[in-house]
Amino acid sequence: MANWVGKALVAIAVVFFLQTAKAILIPVALAGVLVFTLARPVWRLHVLGISNYIGAAVVMGGLDQRGIVDL
């Protein structure tokens, strides 16, 4: 019986932590998705001789112009 109560308390603590940390976890997850999604176009611009910083700005600017990302 005590084992079940401990597991229930841990589950409640995890749910409470995730609810509290939602404001931090969602932007971090979105940033990770953007990194993996946009790495290829930035790399292709780098192969053409454009700096990674400029390439990232160009790719993000292109997404902003299309209305995909609101900068």
C-alpha atoms as a PDB file:
ATOM      1  CA  MET A   1       0.000   0.000   0.000  1.00  0.00           C
ATOM      2  CA  ALA A   2       2.797   2.432   0.862  1.00  0.00           C
ATOM      3  CA  ASN A   3       4.445   1.795  -2.505  1.00  0.00           C
ATOM      4  CA  TRP A   4       1.283   2.906  -4.337  1.00  0.00           C
ATOM      5  CA  VAL A   5       1.032   6.096  -2.278  1.00  0.00           C
ATOM      6  CA  GLY A   6       4.665   6.960  -3.024  1.00  0.00           C
ATOM      7  CA  LYS A   7       4.147   6.485  -6.761  1.00  0.00           C
ATOM      8  CA  ALA A   8       1.025   8.651  -6.655  1.00  0.00           C
ATOM      9  CA  LEU A   9       2.893  11.430  -4.853  1.00  0.00           C
ATOM     10  CA  VAL A  10       5.723  11.274  -7.390  1.00  0.00           C
ATOM     11  CA  ALA A  11       3.199  11.452 -10.260  1.00  0.00           C
ATOM     12  CA  ILE A  12       1.519  14.483  -8.694  1.00  0.00           C
ATOM     13  CA  ALA A  13       4.906  16.148  -8.181  1.00  0.00           C
ATOM     14  CA  VAL A  14       5.886  15.521 -11.816  1.00  0.00           C
ATOM     15  CA  VAL A  15       2.604  16.959 -13.115  1.00  0.00           C
ATOM     16  CA  PHE A  16       2.990  20.018 -10.873  1.00  0.00           C
ATOM     17  CA  PHE A  17       6.603  20.517 -12.024  1.00  0.00           C
ATOM     18  CA  LEU A  18       5.685  20.249 -15.714  1.00  0.00           C
ATOM     19  CA  GLN A  19       2.792  22.678 -15.278  1.00  0.00           C
ATOM     20  CA  THR A  20       5.117  25.144 -13.560  1.00  0.00           C
ATOM     21  CA  ALA A  21       7.964  24.707 -16.053  1.00  0.00           C
ATOM     22  CA  LYS A  22       5.717  25.004 -19.139  1.00  0.00           C
ATOM     23  CA  ALA A  23       6.754  28.620 -19.688  1.00  0.00           C
ATOM     24  CA  ILE A  24      10.375  27.488 -20.037  1.00  0.00           C
ATOM     25  CA  LEU A  25      10.004  24.088 -21.701  1.00  0.00           C
ATOM     26  CA  ILE A  26       7.856  25.157 -24.665  1.00  0.00           C
ATOM     27  CA  PRO A  27      10.301  27.796 -26.014  1.00  0.00           C
ATOM     28  CA  VAL A  28      13.243  25.432 -25.478  1.00  0.00           C
ATOM     29  CA  ALA A  29      11.467  22.672 -27.401  1.00  0.00           C
ATOM     30  CA  LEU A  30      10.547  25.096 -30.194  1.00  0.00           C
ATOM     31  CA  ALA A  31      14.153  26.270 -30.423  1.00  0.00           C
ATOM     32  CA  GLY A  32      15.307  22.666 -30.748  1.00  0.00           C
ATOM     33  CA  VAL A  33      12.848  22.031 -33.568  1.00  0.00           C
ATOM     34  CA  LEU A  34      14.000  25.196 -35.364  1.00  0.00           C
ATOM     35  CA  VAL A  35      17.655  24.224 -35.020  1.00  0.00           C
ATOM     36  CA  PHE A  36      17.124  20.840 -36.649  1.00  0.00           C
ATOM     37  CA  THR A  37      14.768  22.196 -39.300  1.00  0.00           C
ATOM     38  CA  LEU A  38      16.808  25.217 -40.386  1.00  0.00           C
ATOM     39  CA  ALA A  39      20.322  23.761 -40.123  1.00  0.00           C
ATOM     40  CA  ARG A  40      20.208  22.372 -43.663  1.00  0.00           C
ATOM     41  CA  PRO A  41      19.345  25.673 -45.449  1.00  0.00           C
ATOM     42  CA  VAL A  42      21.976  27.543 -43.420  1.00  0.00           C
ATOM     43  CA  TRP A  43      24.539  24.866 -44.261  1.00  0.00           C
ATOM     44  CA  ARG A  44      23.727  25.181 -47.974  1.00  0.00           C
ATOM     45  CA  LEU A  45      24.277  28.933 -47.787  1.00  0.00           C
ATOM     46  CA  HIS A  46      27.565  28.270 -45.979  1.00  0.00           C
ATOM     47  CA  VAL A  47      28.661  26.027 -48.860  1.00  0.00           C
ATOM     48  CA  LEU A  48      27.973  28.948 -51.198  1.00  0.00           C
ATOM     49  CA  GLY A  49      30.376  31.078 -49.139  1.00  0.00           C
ATOM     50  CA  ILE A  50      27.950  32.921 -46.881  1.00  0.00           C
ATOM     51  CA  SER A  51      28.763  33.133 -43.182  1.00  0.00           C
ATOM     52  CA  ASN A  52      26.639  31.038 -40.811  1.00  0.00           C
ATOM     53  CA  TYR A  53      25.478  34.183 -39.012  1.00  0.00           C
ATOM     54  CA  ILE A  54      24.390  35.875 -42.215  1.00  0.00           C
ATOM     55  CA  GLY A  55      22.869  32.623 -43.502  1.00  0.00           C
ATOM     56  CA  ALA A  56      20.796  32.217 -40.355  1.00  0.00           C
ATOM     57  CA  ALA A  57      19.603  35.816 -40.651  1.00  0.00           C
ATOM     58  CA  VAL A  58      18.669  35.269 -44.307  1.00  0.00           C
ATOM     59  CA  VAL A  59      16.754  32.058 -43.551  1.00  0.00           C
ATOM     60  CA  MET A  60      14.895  33.593 -40.602  1.00  0.00           C
ATOM     61  CA  GLY A  61      14.188  36.729 -42.653  1.00  0.00           C
ATOM     62  CA  GLY A  62      12.771  34.561 -45.419  1.00  0.00           C
ATOM     63  CA  LEU A  63      10.496  32.799 -42.962  1.00  0.00           C
ATOM     64  CA  ASP A  64       9.411  36.167 -41.595  1.00  0.00           C
ATOM     65  CA  GLN A  65       8.583  37.452 -45.089  1.00  0.00           C
ATOM     66  CA  ARG A  66       6.437  34.384 -45.772  1.00  0.00           C
ATOM     67  CA  GLY A  67       4.559  34.870 -42.523  1.00  0.00           C
ATOM     68  CA  ILE A  68       5.741  31.556 -41.056  1.00  0.00           C
ATOM     69  CA  VAL A  69       7.634  33.175 -38.185  1.00  0.00           C
ATOM     70  CA  ASP A  70       6.731  36.494 -36.594  1.00  0.00           C
ATOM     71  CA  LEU A  71       9.960  38.281 -35.656  1.00  0.00           C
END
